Structures are given as structure tokens and as C-alpha cells.
Amino acid sequence: MVKVFIMRGLPGAGKTTWIRNNLPDAFICSADNYFLDEEGIYKFDSFLISEAHESCLKRFVEILTSHEDEAEKEPLVIVVDNTAIRAWEISPYYNLAKAFGHDVEVVHIKCDSDLAHSRNIHGVPLERVEKMDEGLFSETLPSFWDIQVVEPVSDD
């Protein structure tokens, strides 16, 4: 059995923390990983964002296809950890997982843009976070998708 979680939320909303607290043994696919150097230091380059998302999708497909035998023996959890503001950003992952016959859940971390901005570690400007927040609430996701909305994790 394979369960896929697709994270959705602002930078700094607590997506990665939610994963760490709820799915510590999951395989993680994230465009952010593309920007980690050999020492694990995050070095974002906006000119490479398309390549980062291509790399994330490729890793997702590799995990889906290379661990099928293992998933028959014990549950396999895969998490896509991106902002996923728009439905078109979620669709490739959702559709691929469904095509392989897996359960999929979108986990939307609901978080105020000011709080998210104050906690985001990627240096995303407040104006950009606010624009992303507008996109989150103006975008209607397909009604047949399994979506869980959760509050952000406390800083405590």
C-alpha cells in the first residue's frame, strides 16, 4: 500500500514541521532539495525554479516506480513538500499517484501570511507571501480530491 501526501501552504506555514511530526519515515520530494549544496546549505536561485520542480517530479516518479515491491510488504508513504498554491501544481502528482492506484491526500496548512512570513526560512518577501496567500484562497481545488486543512504548528 502506498499513501501519498501533497503538502500545500505558504512558505513558513509549517509544512515541513507537520511532516516531521506526523510522517517522520516518509520519502520526501521537494523542489527545495534542488537548492541544497553538498553541505546542506540552501541556496535558492529563481532562474532554476523550473529545473527544481522537474527534479522534484522526477524523484516522485522514481519513488513510485522503484518501491512498488516494498509497498506490497509494508506501507510506503511519499510526501510532496512544495507550496502547491495552484491546482495545476498539484495535478501531476495527484494524477500519477492515482494512475498507480495509490491513496492521495492534499494537506493544506492554513496559516496567516504575516505569521508564515515571519517563520519562512527561504527569504520570501512579505509581498510575495501575501500574493501566494491570495492564490491559495482564490483557487478552487477539484471537489473529488481528498483535502485535509490543518492549522499551523505552534512555535513552542
C-alpha atoms as a PDB file:
ATOM      1  CA  MET A   1       0.000   0.000   0.000  1.00  0.00           C
ATOM      2  CA  VAL A   2       1.237   3.474  -0.886  1.00  0.00           C
ATOM      3  CA  LYS A   3      -0.122   6.666   0.618  1.00  0.00           C
ATOM      4  CA  VAL A   4       0.802   9.996  -0.982  1.00  0.00           C
ATOM      5  CA  PHE A   5       0.515  13.294   0.854  1.00  0.00           C
ATOM      6  CA  ILE A   6       0.763  16.506  -1.153  1.00  0.00           C
ATOM      7  CA  MET A   7       1.532  19.464   1.067  1.00  0.00           C
ATOM      8  CA  ARG A   8       0.009  22.844   0.329  1.00  0.00           C
ATOM      9  CA  GLY A   9       0.683  26.135   2.068  1.00  0.00           C
ATOM     10  CA  LEU A  10       2.686  29.318   2.271  1.00  0.00           C
ATOM     11  CA  PRO A  11       6.435  29.358   2.817  1.00  0.00           C
ATOM     12  CA  GLY A  12       6.774  29.269   6.605  1.00  0.00           C
ATOM     13  CA  ALA A  13       3.296  27.845   7.193  1.00  0.00           C
ATOM     14  CA  GLY A  14       4.729  24.727   8.830  1.00  0.00           C
ATOM     15  CA  LYS A  15       4.515  22.112   6.056  1.00  0.00           C
ATOM     16  CA  THR A  16       7.906  20.570   6.781  1.00  0.00           C
ATOM     17  CA  THR A  17       7.295  20.660  10.539  1.00  0.00           C
ATOM     18  CA  TRP A  18       3.929  18.912  10.040  1.00  0.00           C
ATOM     19  CA  ILE A  19       5.678  16.216   8.002  1.00  0.00           C
ATOM     20  CA  ARG A  20       8.389  15.782  10.646  1.00  0.00           C
ATOM     21  CA  ASN A  21       5.733  15.463  13.389  1.00  0.00           C
ATOM     22  CA  ASN A  22       3.302  13.214  11.516  1.00  0.00           C
ATOM     23  CA  LEU A  23       5.227  11.308   8.829  1.00  0.00           C
ATOM     24  CA  PRO A  24       8.842  11.008  10.014  1.00  0.00           C
ATOM     25  CA  ASP A  25       9.620   7.925   7.895  1.00  0.00           C
ATOM     26  CA  ALA A  26       8.161   9.216   4.631  1.00  0.00           C
ATOM     27  CA  PHE A  27      10.026   9.615   1.370  1.00  0.00           C
ATOM     28  CA  ILE A  28      10.144  13.373   0.723  1.00  0.00           C
ATOM     29  CA  CYS A  29      10.004  15.008  -2.701  1.00  0.00           C
ATOM     30  CA  SER A  30      10.666  18.744  -2.613  1.00  0.00           C
ATOM     31  CA  ALA A  31      11.792  21.346  -5.113  1.00  0.00           C
ATOM     32  CA  ASP A  32      13.756  22.884  -2.218  1.00  0.00           C
ATOM     33  CA  ASN A  33      16.139  19.911  -2.264  1.00  0.00           C
ATOM     34  CA  TYR A  34      17.391  21.077  -5.656  1.00  0.00           C
ATOM     35  CA  PHE A  35      18.861  24.152  -3.987  1.00  0.00           C
ATOM     36  CA  LEU A  36      20.806  22.339  -1.262  1.00  0.00           C
ATOM     37  CA  ASP A  37      24.547  22.241  -1.755  1.00  0.00           C
ATOM     38  CA  GLU A  38      26.870  19.421  -0.609  1.00  0.00           C
ATOM     39  CA  GLU A  39      26.917  20.814   2.942  1.00  0.00           C
ATOM     40  CA  GLY A  40      23.121  21.037   3.073  1.00  0.00           C
ATOM     41  CA  ILE A  41      23.051  24.825   2.776  1.00  0.00           C
ATOM     42  CA  TYR A  42      20.021  26.221   0.951  1.00  0.00           C
ATOM     43  CA  LYS A  43      20.970  28.457  -1.990  1.00  0.00           C
ATOM     44  CA  PHE A  44      17.846  29.474  -3.883  1.00  0.00           C
ATOM     45  CA  ASP A  45      18.160  30.651  -7.473  1.00  0.00           C
ATOM     46  CA  SER A  46      14.902  31.865  -9.039  1.00  0.00           C
ATOM     47  CA  PHE A  47      16.292  31.209 -12.520  1.00  0.00           C
ATOM     48  CA  LEU A  48      16.396  27.477 -11.724  1.00  0.00           C
ATOM     49  CA  ILE A  49      12.869  27.080 -10.328  1.00  0.00           C
ATOM     50  CA  SER A  50      11.610  25.148 -13.379  1.00  0.00           C
ATOM     51  CA  GLU A  51      14.515  22.713 -13.128  1.00  0.00           C
ATOM     52  CA  ALA A  52      13.866  22.323  -9.389  1.00  0.00           C
ATOM     53  CA  HIS A  53      10.235  21.351  -9.983  1.00  0.00           C
ATOM     54  CA  GLU A  54      11.217  18.996 -12.809  1.00  0.00           C
ATOM     55  CA  SER A  55      13.690  17.330 -10.461  1.00  0.00           C
ATOM     56  CA  CYS A  56      11.020  17.006  -7.761  1.00  0.00           C
ATOM     57  CA  LEU A  57       8.539  15.371 -10.138  1.00  0.00           C
ATOM     58  CA  LYS A  58      11.244  13.027 -11.443  1.00  0.00           C
ATOM     59  CA  ARG A  59      12.110  11.928  -7.888  1.00  0.00           C
ATOM     60  CA  PHE A  60       8.420  11.334  -7.195  1.00  0.00           C
ATOM     61  CA  VAL A  61       8.101   9.083 -10.254  1.00  0.00           C
ATOM     62  CA  GLU A  62      11.310   7.246  -9.327  1.00  0.00           C
ATOM     63  CA  ILE A  63       9.998   6.525  -5.825  1.00  0.00           C
ATOM     64  CA  LEU A  64       6.597   5.439  -7.157  1.00  0.00           C
ATOM     65  CA  THR A  65       8.118   3.035  -9.651  1.00  0.00           C
ATOM     66  CA  SER A  66      11.120   1.700  -7.751  1.00  0.00           C
ATOM     67  CA  HIS A  67       9.429   0.853  -4.439  1.00  0.00           C
ATOM     68  CA  GLU A  68       6.298  -0.931  -5.651  1.00  0.00           C
ATOM     69  CA  ASP A  69       7.506  -4.355  -4.447  1.00  0.00           C
ATOM     70  CA  GLU A  70       8.342  -2.983  -0.994  1.00  0.00           C
ATOM     71  CA  ALA A  71       4.911  -1.327  -0.732  1.00  0.00           C
ATOM     72  CA  GLU A  72       3.244  -4.732  -1.068  1.00  0.00           C
ATOM     73  CA  LYS A  73       5.039  -5.868   2.120  1.00  0.00           C
ATOM     74  CA  GLU A  74       4.743  -2.747   4.262  1.00  0.00           C
ATOM     75  CA  PRO A  75       3.058   0.646   3.867  1.00  0.00           C
ATOM     76  CA  LEU A  76       5.014   3.231   1.912  1.00  0.00           C
ATOM     77  CA  VAL A  77       4.462   6.951   2.498  1.00  0.00           C
ATOM     78  CA  ILE A  78       5.529   9.583  -0.020  1.00  0.00           C
ATOM     79  CA  VAL A  79       5.239  13.309   0.636  1.00  0.00           C
ATOM     80  CA  VAL A  80       5.432  16.112  -1.908  1.00  0.00           C
ATOM     81  CA  ASP A  81       6.627  19.118   0.092  1.00  0.00           C
ATOM     82  CA  ASN A  82       6.112  22.201  -2.104  1.00  0.00           C
ATOM     83  CA  THR A  83       3.874  25.253  -1.722  1.00  0.00           C
ATOM     84  CA  ALA A  84       1.373  23.866  -4.287  1.00  0.00           C
ATOM     85  CA  ILE A  85      -0.646  27.078  -4.465  1.00  0.00           C
ATOM     86  CA  ARG A  86      -2.445  26.250  -7.715  1.00  0.00           C
ATOM     87  CA  ALA A  87      -4.280  23.089  -8.755  1.00  0.00           C
ATOM     88  CA  TRP A  88      -2.033  22.707 -11.805  1.00  0.00           C
ATOM     89  CA  GLU A  89       0.940  22.411  -9.441  1.00  0.00           C
ATOM     90  CA  ILE A  90      -0.725  19.553  -7.568  1.00  0.00           C
ATOM     91  CA  SER A  91      -2.298  17.755 -10.545  1.00  0.00           C
ATOM     92  CA  PRO A  92       0.769  15.912 -11.913  1.00  0.00           C
ATOM     93  CA  TYR A  93       1.482  14.326  -8.533  1.00  0.00           C
ATOM     94  CA  TYR A  94      -2.159  13.605  -7.760  1.00  0.00           C
ATOM     95  CA  ASN A  95      -2.839  12.090 -11.173  1.00  0.00           C
ATOM     96  CA  LEU A  96       0.317   9.970 -11.227  1.00  0.00           C
ATOM     97  CA  ALA A  97      -0.366   8.555  -7.778  1.00  0.00           C
ATOM     98  CA  LYS A  98      -3.979   7.774  -8.715  1.00  0.00           C
ATOM     99  CA  ALA A  99      -2.838   6.193 -12.016  1.00  0.00           C
ATOM    100  CA  PHE A 100      -0.693   3.808  -9.949  1.00  0.00           C
ATOM    101  CA  GLY A 101      -3.718   3.051  -7.744  1.00  0.00           C
ATOM    102  CA  HIS A 102      -2.489   4.814  -4.613  1.00  0.00           C
ATOM    103  CA  ASP A 103      -4.317   6.824  -1.972  1.00  0.00           C
ATOM    104  CA  VAL A 104      -3.671  10.569  -2.185  1.00  0.00           C
ATOM    105  CA  GLU A 105      -4.386  13.332   0.289  1.00  0.00           C
ATOM    106  CA  VAL A 106      -3.711  17.050  -0.069  1.00  0.00           C
ATOM    107  CA  VAL A 107      -2.719  18.555   3.289  1.00  0.00           C
ATOM    108  CA  HIS A 108      -3.331  22.306   3.325  1.00  0.00           C
ATOM    109  CA  ILE A 109      -1.557  24.053   6.181  1.00  0.00           C
ATOM    110  CA  LYS A 110      -3.721  27.093   6.859  1.00  0.00           C
ATOM    111  CA  CYS A 111      -1.572  29.966   8.087  1.00  0.00           C
ATOM    112  CA  ASP A 112      -1.824  33.743   8.237  1.00  0.00           C
ATOM    113  CA  SER A 113       0.554  35.390   5.759  1.00  0.00           C
ATOM    114  CA  ASP A 114       2.229  37.546   8.432  1.00  0.00           C
ATOM    115  CA  LEU A 115       2.977  34.514  10.621  1.00  0.00           C
ATOM    116  CA  ALA A 116       4.175  32.487   7.636  1.00  0.00           C
ATOM    117  CA  HIS A 117       6.434  35.327   6.502  1.00  0.00           C
ATOM    118  CA  SER A 118       7.944  35.704   9.976  1.00  0.00           C
ATOM    119  CA  ARG A 119       8.809  31.971  10.026  1.00  0.00           C
ATOM    120  CA  ASN A 120       9.830  31.333   6.417  1.00  0.00           C
ATOM    121  CA  ILE A 121      13.478  30.359   6.129  1.00  0.00           C
ATOM    122  CA  HIS A 122      13.770  30.993   2.396  1.00  0.00           C
ATOM    123  CA  GLY A 123      13.695  34.784   2.476  1.00  0.00           C
ATOM    124  CA  VAL A 124      10.443  35.089   0.540  1.00  0.00           C
ATOM    125  CA  PRO A 125       9.385  38.772   0.736  1.00  0.00           C
ATOM    126  CA  LEU A 126       6.126  39.596   2.547  1.00  0.00           C
ATOM    127  CA  GLU A 127       4.550  40.963  -0.652  1.00  0.00           C
ATOM    128  CA  ARG A 128       5.176  37.620  -2.389  1.00  0.00           C
ATOM    129  CA  VAL A 129       3.823  35.627   0.566  1.00  0.00           C
ATOM    130  CA  GLU A 130       0.672  37.797   0.548  1.00  0.00           C
ATOM    131  CA  LYS A 131       0.232  37.225  -3.203  1.00  0.00           C
ATOM    132  CA  MET A 132       0.638  33.469  -2.677  1.00  0.00           C
ATOM    133  CA  ASP A 133      -1.937  33.648   0.136  1.00  0.00           C
ATOM    134  CA  GLU A 134      -4.411  35.319  -2.241  1.00  0.00           C
ATOM    135  CA  GLY A 135      -3.776  32.492  -4.701  1.00  0.00           C
ATOM    136  CA  LEU A 136      -4.435  29.833  -2.057  1.00  0.00           C
ATOM    137  CA  PHE A 137      -7.875  31.179  -1.299  1.00  0.00           C
ATOM    138  CA  SER A 138      -8.876  32.148  -4.828  1.00  0.00           C
ATOM    139  CA  GLU A 139      -8.014  28.716  -6.231  1.00  0.00           C
ATOM    140  CA  THR A 140     -10.798  26.148  -6.084  1.00  0.00           C
ATOM    141  CA  LEU A 141      -9.419  22.623  -5.999  1.00  0.00           C
ATOM    142  CA  PRO A 142     -11.382  19.771  -7.571  1.00  0.00           C
ATOM    143  CA  SER A 143     -14.144  18.564  -5.259  1.00  0.00           C
ATOM    144  CA  PHE A 144     -13.156  14.919  -5.731  1.00  0.00           C
ATOM    145  CA  TRP A 145      -9.681  15.472  -4.228  1.00  0.00           C
ATOM    146  CA  ASP A 146      -9.211  14.361  -0.628  1.00  0.00           C
ATOM    147  CA  ILE A 147      -8.153  17.568   1.165  1.00  0.00           C
ATOM    148  CA  GLN A 148      -7.325  17.996   4.847  1.00  0.00           C
ATOM    149  CA  VAL A 149      -6.981  21.551   6.190  1.00  0.00           C
ATOM    150  CA  VAL A 150      -4.857  21.857   9.311  1.00  0.00           C
ATOM    151  CA  GLU A 151      -3.794  24.768  11.492  1.00  0.00           C
ATOM    152  CA  PRO A 152      -0.100  25.689  11.604  1.00  0.00           C
ATOM    153  CA  VAL A 153       2.173  24.072  14.142  1.00  0.00           C
ATOM    154  CA  SER A 154       2.933  26.270  17.150  1.00  0.00           C
ATOM    155  CA  ASP A 155       6.414  27.777  17.509  1.00  0.00           C
ATOM    156  CA  ASP A 156       6.566  26.411  21.103  1.00  0.00           C
END
